[in-house]
């Protein structure tokens, strides 16, 4: 048999090299950060109660914000995917606003709505709920900057669901709510889960808006900023490395769980 001759298009080689440079740009700083931290430094960081508390606070507030706002964001995404209405383009642009505005400005804007001297903040204070300087404020800041990821991903997923399947279920007597829950959501589940993970991850990494709304209690990005400003890179680097490792573990676990769910549905 003649040996196989593989013809390689030079254009694809160029694209592969460019892609490799992009991947290197993403991975190199993370690897460098981890390599510059010694094992004793990481162990001491793990034992630090302030660091552990900040990581736990970051994880649960970002997840809680994602779950709470998903209750409204997912049906809203379905509406955007299925219905045409006046100023729909404007609504879509408004959804993307948190992505393009500076996040410190987002925090200042949020203060104009949730501080105690505002209508919403005052009403919340009367029932014992405060936003400024609390975990509720952290969740509000995280959700504000990250909710576009969930809405846009879920909208794309619902848009890919065949309308004829929904109409067939309606013609057989199913209610619109039942069609939404048993047909639309399961078929768009992959995009919804991806948006959910992206919103959770983006909220967890938020800094600017949270810094303005709730400096204390400290989430990990704020703690890293404080230690870098007060003590320098040496004391901030182990916290950053540990937080990145924790985020990667949770991200991989969520992705694996989502994949198992998809395989089970097939």
Protein backbone atom coordinates (compact mmCIF):
# COMPACT_ATOMS: atom_id res chain seq x y z
CA UNK A 1 0.00 0.00 0.00
CA UNK A 2 1.17 3.47 -0.82
CA UNK A 3 1.69 5.71 2.19
CA UNK A 4 -1.08 8.22 2.74
CA UNK A 5 -0.15 11.70 1.67
CA UNK A 6 -1.76 14.39 3.74
CA UNK A 7 -2.26 17.64 1.94
CA UNK A 8 -2.33 20.61 4.24
CA UNK A 9 -3.81 23.87 3.14
CA UNK A 10 -1.44 26.73 4.08
CA UNK A 11 -4.42 28.90 5.01
CA UNK A 12 -5.49 26.41 7.69
CA UNK A 13 -1.95 26.35 9.04
CA UNK A 14 -2.03 30.12 9.38
CA UNK A 15 -5.39 29.94 11.15
CA UNK A 16 -4.07 27.22 13.48
CA UNK A 17 -1.01 29.31 14.37
CA UNK A 18 -3.19 32.35 15.07
CA UNK A 19 -5.49 30.21 17.20
CA UNK A 20 -2.52 28.85 19.09
CA UNK A 21 -1.36 32.40 19.85
CA UNK A 22 -4.82 33.29 21.18
CA UNK A 23 -4.86 30.20 23.39
CA UNK A 24 -1.36 30.98 24.62
CA UNK A 25 -2.45 34.53 25.45
CA UNK A 26 -5.27 33.11 27.60
CA UNK A 27 -3.45 30.23 29.25
CA UNK A 28 0.05 31.65 29.79
CA UNK A 29 -0.87 34.21 32.50
CA UNK A 30 -2.88 31.59 34.41
CA UNK A 31 -0.07 29.03 34.28
CA UNK A 32 2.47 31.69 35.25
CA UNK A 33 0.33 32.73 38.21
CA UNK A 34 0.08 29.16 39.51
CA UNK A 35 3.79 28.42 38.97
CA UNK A 36 4.81 31.54 40.88
CA UNK A 37 2.92 30.37 43.96
CA UNK A 38 4.67 27.83 46.16
CA UNK A 39 2.82 24.97 47.83
CA UNK A 40 3.40 26.41 51.36
CA UNK A 41 1.91 29.73 50.21
CA UNK A 42 -1.18 28.00 48.87
CA UNK A 43 -1.52 25.93 52.04
CA UNK A 44 -1.29 29.05 54.21
CA UNK A 45 -3.87 30.74 51.98
CA UNK A 46 -6.25 27.80 52.33
CA UNK A 47 -5.91 28.04 56.11
CA UNK A 48 -6.70 31.77 56.07
CA UNK A 49 -10.25 32.20 57.40
CA UNK A 50 -10.70 35.51 55.63
CA UNK A 51 -9.85 33.94 52.28
CA UNK A 52 -12.10 30.91 52.85
CA UNK A 53 -15.01 33.08 53.92
CA UNK A 54 -14.61 35.35 50.91
CA UNK A 55 -14.53 32.41 48.49
CA UNK A 56 -17.64 30.87 50.05
CA UNK A 57 -19.40 34.25 49.96
CA UNK A 58 -18.48 34.69 46.30
CA UNK A 59 -19.68 31.23 45.32
CA UNK A 60 -23.05 31.27 47.04
CA UNK A 61 -23.99 34.87 46.23
CA UNK A 62 -23.21 34.40 42.53
CA UNK A 63 -25.17 31.15 42.41
CA UNK A 64 -28.10 32.61 44.36
CA UNK A 65 -28.22 35.66 42.09
CA UNK A 66 -28.25 33.39 39.04
CA UNK A 67 -31.05 31.17 40.37
CA UNK A 68 -33.22 34.06 41.57
CA UNK A 69 -32.99 36.10 38.38
CA UNK A 70 -33.30 33.02 36.15
CA UNK A 71 -36.93 32.73 37.30
CA UNK A 72 -37.70 35.90 35.35
CA UNK A 73 -34.91 35.82 32.75
CA UNK A 74 -35.80 32.47 31.16
CA UNK A 75 -39.49 33.26 30.47
CA UNK A 76 -38.40 36.69 29.24
CA UNK A 77 -35.95 35.05 26.85
CA UNK A 78 -38.75 32.84 25.53
CA UNK A 79 -40.89 35.91 24.92
CA UNK A 80 -38.07 37.55 22.99
CA UNK A 81 -37.56 34.41 20.90
CA UNK A 82 -41.22 33.88 20.02
CA UNK A 83 -42.96 37.24 19.89
CA UNK A 84 -42.55 40.38 17.81
CA UNK A 85 -43.60 43.60 19.46
CA UNK A 86 -42.92 47.33 19.10
CA UNK A 87 -39.44 48.46 20.11
CA UNK A 88 -38.17 44.89 20.36
CA UNK A 89 -34.81 46.00 18.98
CA UNK A 90 -34.57 48.64 21.70
CA UNK A 91 -35.38 46.05 24.36
CA UNK A 92 -32.61 43.78 23.04
CA UNK A 93 -30.18 46.69 23.12
CA UNK A 94 -31.14 47.52 26.71
CA UNK A 95 -30.46 43.91 27.72
CA UNK A 96 -26.90 44.22 26.43
CA UNK A 97 -26.22 47.55 28.17
CA UNK A 98 -24.62 46.04 31.31
CA UNK A 99 -22.00 44.40 29.10
CA UNK A 100 -20.80 47.64 27.52
CA UNK A 101 -20.95 50.15 30.39
CA UNK A 102 -18.05 50.38 32.87
CA UNK A 103 -18.85 48.22 35.85
CA UNK A 104 -17.87 50.86 38.37
CA UNK A 105 -20.46 53.06 36.68
CA UNK A 106 -22.92 50.18 36.97
CA UNK A 107 -22.32 50.10 40.72
CA UNK A 108 -22.90 53.84 41.02
CA UNK A 109 -26.07 53.53 38.95
CA UNK A 110 -27.30 50.71 41.19
CA UNK A 111 -26.76 52.86 44.26
CA UNK A 112 -29.23 55.32 42.77
CA UNK A 113 -31.89 52.62 42.95
CA UNK A 114 -31.11 50.45 45.98
CA UNK A 115 -29.69 52.87 48.55
CA UNK A 116 -31.88 53.65 51.57
CA UNK A 117 -32.86 57.12 50.40
CA UNK A 118 -34.42 55.78 47.18
CA UNK A 119 -37.93 54.46 46.64
CA UNK A 120 -36.91 50.82 46.24
CA UNK A 121 -34.20 50.91 48.87
CA UNK A 122 -36.48 52.65 51.36
CA UNK A 123 -39.28 50.14 50.79
CA UNK A 124 -36.84 47.26 51.25
CA UNK A 125 -35.44 48.80 54.43
CA UNK A 126 -38.93 48.97 55.94
CA UNK A 127 -39.21 45.19 55.71
CA UNK A 128 -35.71 44.68 57.05
CA UNK A 129 -33.87 44.19 53.73
CA UNK A 130 -30.79 46.29 53.07
CA UNK A 131 -28.69 46.23 49.92
CA UNK A 132 -25.73 48.53 50.54
CA UNK A 133 -22.99 46.68 52.36
CA UNK A 134 -24.84 43.34 52.46
CA UNK A 135 -24.92 40.05 50.55
CA UNK A 136 -28.19 41.18 48.94
CA UNK A 137 -26.36 44.13 47.42
CA UNK A 138 -23.59 41.82 46.21
CA UNK A 139 -26.16 39.63 44.48
CA UNK A 140 -27.82 42.66 42.88
CA UNK A 141 -24.49 43.91 41.52
CA UNK A 142 -23.52 40.46 40.24
CA UNK A 143 -26.89 39.94 38.55
CA UNK A 144 -26.85 43.37 36.92
CA UNK A 145 -23.61 42.75 35.04
CA UNK A 146 -24.19 39.07 34.24
CA UNK A 147 -27.88 38.62 33.39
CA UNK A 148 -27.42 39.45 29.65
CA UNK A 149 -25.44 36.21 29.25
CA UNK A 150 -28.36 34.09 30.46
CA UNK A 151 -31.02 35.97 28.52
CA UNK A 152 -29.11 35.94 25.23
CA UNK A 153 -28.12 32.28 25.49
CA UNK A 154 -31.64 31.15 26.45
CA UNK A 155 -33.17 33.27 23.68
CA UNK A 156 -30.92 31.60 21.10
CA UNK A 157 -31.87 28.21 22.48
CA UNK A 158 -35.60 28.90 22.32
CA UNK A 159 -35.18 30.31 18.83
CA UNK A 160 -33.76 26.97 17.68
CA UNK A 161 -36.78 25.01 18.98
CA UNK A 162 -39.12 24.13 16.06
CA UNK A 163 -42.33 26.11 16.39
CA UNK A 164 -44.28 23.27 14.77
CA UNK A 165 -43.66 21.06 17.81
CA UNK A 166 -45.18 23.66 20.11
CA UNK A 167 -48.15 24.16 17.79
CA UNK A 168 -48.71 20.41 17.60
CA UNK A 169 -48.80 20.15 21.39
CA UNK A 170 -51.21 23.09 21.60
CA UNK A 171 -53.47 21.49 19.00
CA UNK A 172 -53.58 18.33 21.13
CA UNK A 173 -54.92 20.30 24.09
CA UNK A 174 -51.78 21.14 26.05
CA UNK A 175 -51.79 24.50 27.80
CA UNK A 176 -49.20 27.12 26.83
CA UNK A 177 -47.51 26.72 30.21
CA UNK A 178 -47.28 22.95 29.79
CA UNK A 179 -45.85 23.37 26.29
CA UNK A 180 -43.28 25.79 27.65
CA UNK A 181 -42.23 23.51 30.52
CA UNK A 182 -42.33 20.14 28.75
CA UNK A 183 -41.26 20.99 25.20
CA UNK A 184 -39.61 24.39 24.88
CA UNK A 185 -37.45 24.32 28.00
CA UNK A 186 -36.18 20.72 27.59
CA UNK A 187 -35.30 21.28 23.92
CA UNK A 188 -33.52 24.55 24.74
CA UNK A 189 -31.91 23.10 27.88
CA UNK A 190 -28.39 23.06 26.47
CA UNK A 191 -28.42 26.79 25.74
CA UNK A 192 -30.17 27.57 29.02
CA UNK A 193 -27.58 25.64 31.02
CA UNK A 194 -24.75 27.34 29.10
CA UNK A 195 -26.26 30.73 29.85
CA UNK A 196 -26.76 29.74 33.48
CA UNK A 197 -23.10 28.76 33.83
CA UNK A 198 -21.92 31.92 32.06
CA UNK A 199 -24.07 34.13 34.29
CA UNK A 200 -22.84 32.37 37.41
CA UNK A 201 -19.20 32.59 36.31
CA UNK A 202 -19.48 36.24 35.27
CA UNK A 203 -21.15 37.20 38.52
CA UNK A 204 -18.49 35.38 40.51
CA UNK A 205 -15.73 37.36 38.79
CA UNK A 206 -17.40 40.77 39.19
CA UNK A 207 -15.38 43.46 40.94
CA UNK A 208 -16.25 47.04 40.02
CA UNK A 209 -19.99 47.07 40.70
CA UNK A 210 -19.63 45.03 43.90
CA UNK A 211 -16.84 47.30 45.14
CA UNK A 212 -19.19 50.30 44.90
CA UNK A 213 -22.30 48.65 46.33
CA UNK A 214 -20.83 46.40 49.02
CA UNK A 215 -17.13 46.69 49.85
CA UNK A 216 -17.92 44.65 52.95
CA UNK A 217 -18.55 41.76 53.32
CA UNK A 218 -15.67 41.07 50.97
CA UNK A 219 -15.99 38.77 48.00
CA UNK A 220 -12.72 37.32 46.75
CA UNK A 221 -12.07 39.78 43.87
CA UNK A 222 -12.40 42.67 46.36
CA UNK A 223 -10.17 40.88 48.86
CA UNK A 224 -7.50 40.41 46.18
CA UNK A 225 -7.69 44.11 45.36
CA UNK A 226 -7.34 45.07 49.02
CA UNK A 227 -4.37 42.80 49.63
CA UNK A 228 -2.66 43.95 46.46
CA UNK A 229 -3.08 47.60 47.45
CA UNK A 230 -2.07 47.10 51.08
CA UNK A 231 0.66 44.44 50.88
CA UNK A 232 1.64 44.07 47.24
CA UNK A 233 1.68 41.32 44.65
CA UNK A 234 3.25 38.69 46.91
CA UNK A 235 0.22 38.58 49.20
CA UNK A 236 -2.40 38.92 46.49
CA UNK A 237 -1.01 36.25 44.16
CA UNK A 238 -1.79 33.15 46.29
CA UNK A 239 -5.37 34.32 46.81
CA UNK A 240 -5.78 34.80 43.07
CA UNK A 241 -4.30 31.37 42.30
CA UNK A 242 -6.51 29.61 44.84
CA UNK A 243 -9.62 31.40 43.62
CA UNK A 244 -8.85 30.50 40.00
CA UNK A 245 -8.41 26.83 40.95
CA UNK A 246 -11.72 26.82 42.84
CA UNK A 247 -13.51 28.47 39.92
CA UNK A 248 -12.06 25.94 37.48
CA UNK A 249 -13.19 23.01 39.64
CA UNK A 250 -16.74 24.31 39.92
CA UNK A 251 -16.86 25.23 36.24
CA UNK A 252 -15.72 21.76 35.17
CA UNK A 253 -18.18 20.06 37.54
CA UNK A 254 -21.09 22.11 36.23
CA UNK A 255 -20.12 21.40 32.64
CA UNK A 256 -19.90 17.67 33.34
CA UNK A 257 -23.28 17.66 35.07
CA UNK A 258 -24.81 19.53 32.14
CA UNK A 259 -23.31 17.04 29.68
CA UNK A 260 -24.65 14.08 31.66
CA UNK A 261 -28.11 15.65 31.62
CA UNK A 262 -27.92 16.14 27.86
CA UNK A 263 -26.80 12.53 27.32
CA UNK A 264 -29.65 11.27 29.49
CA UNK A 265 -32.18 13.23 27.41
CA UNK A 266 -30.94 11.72 24.12
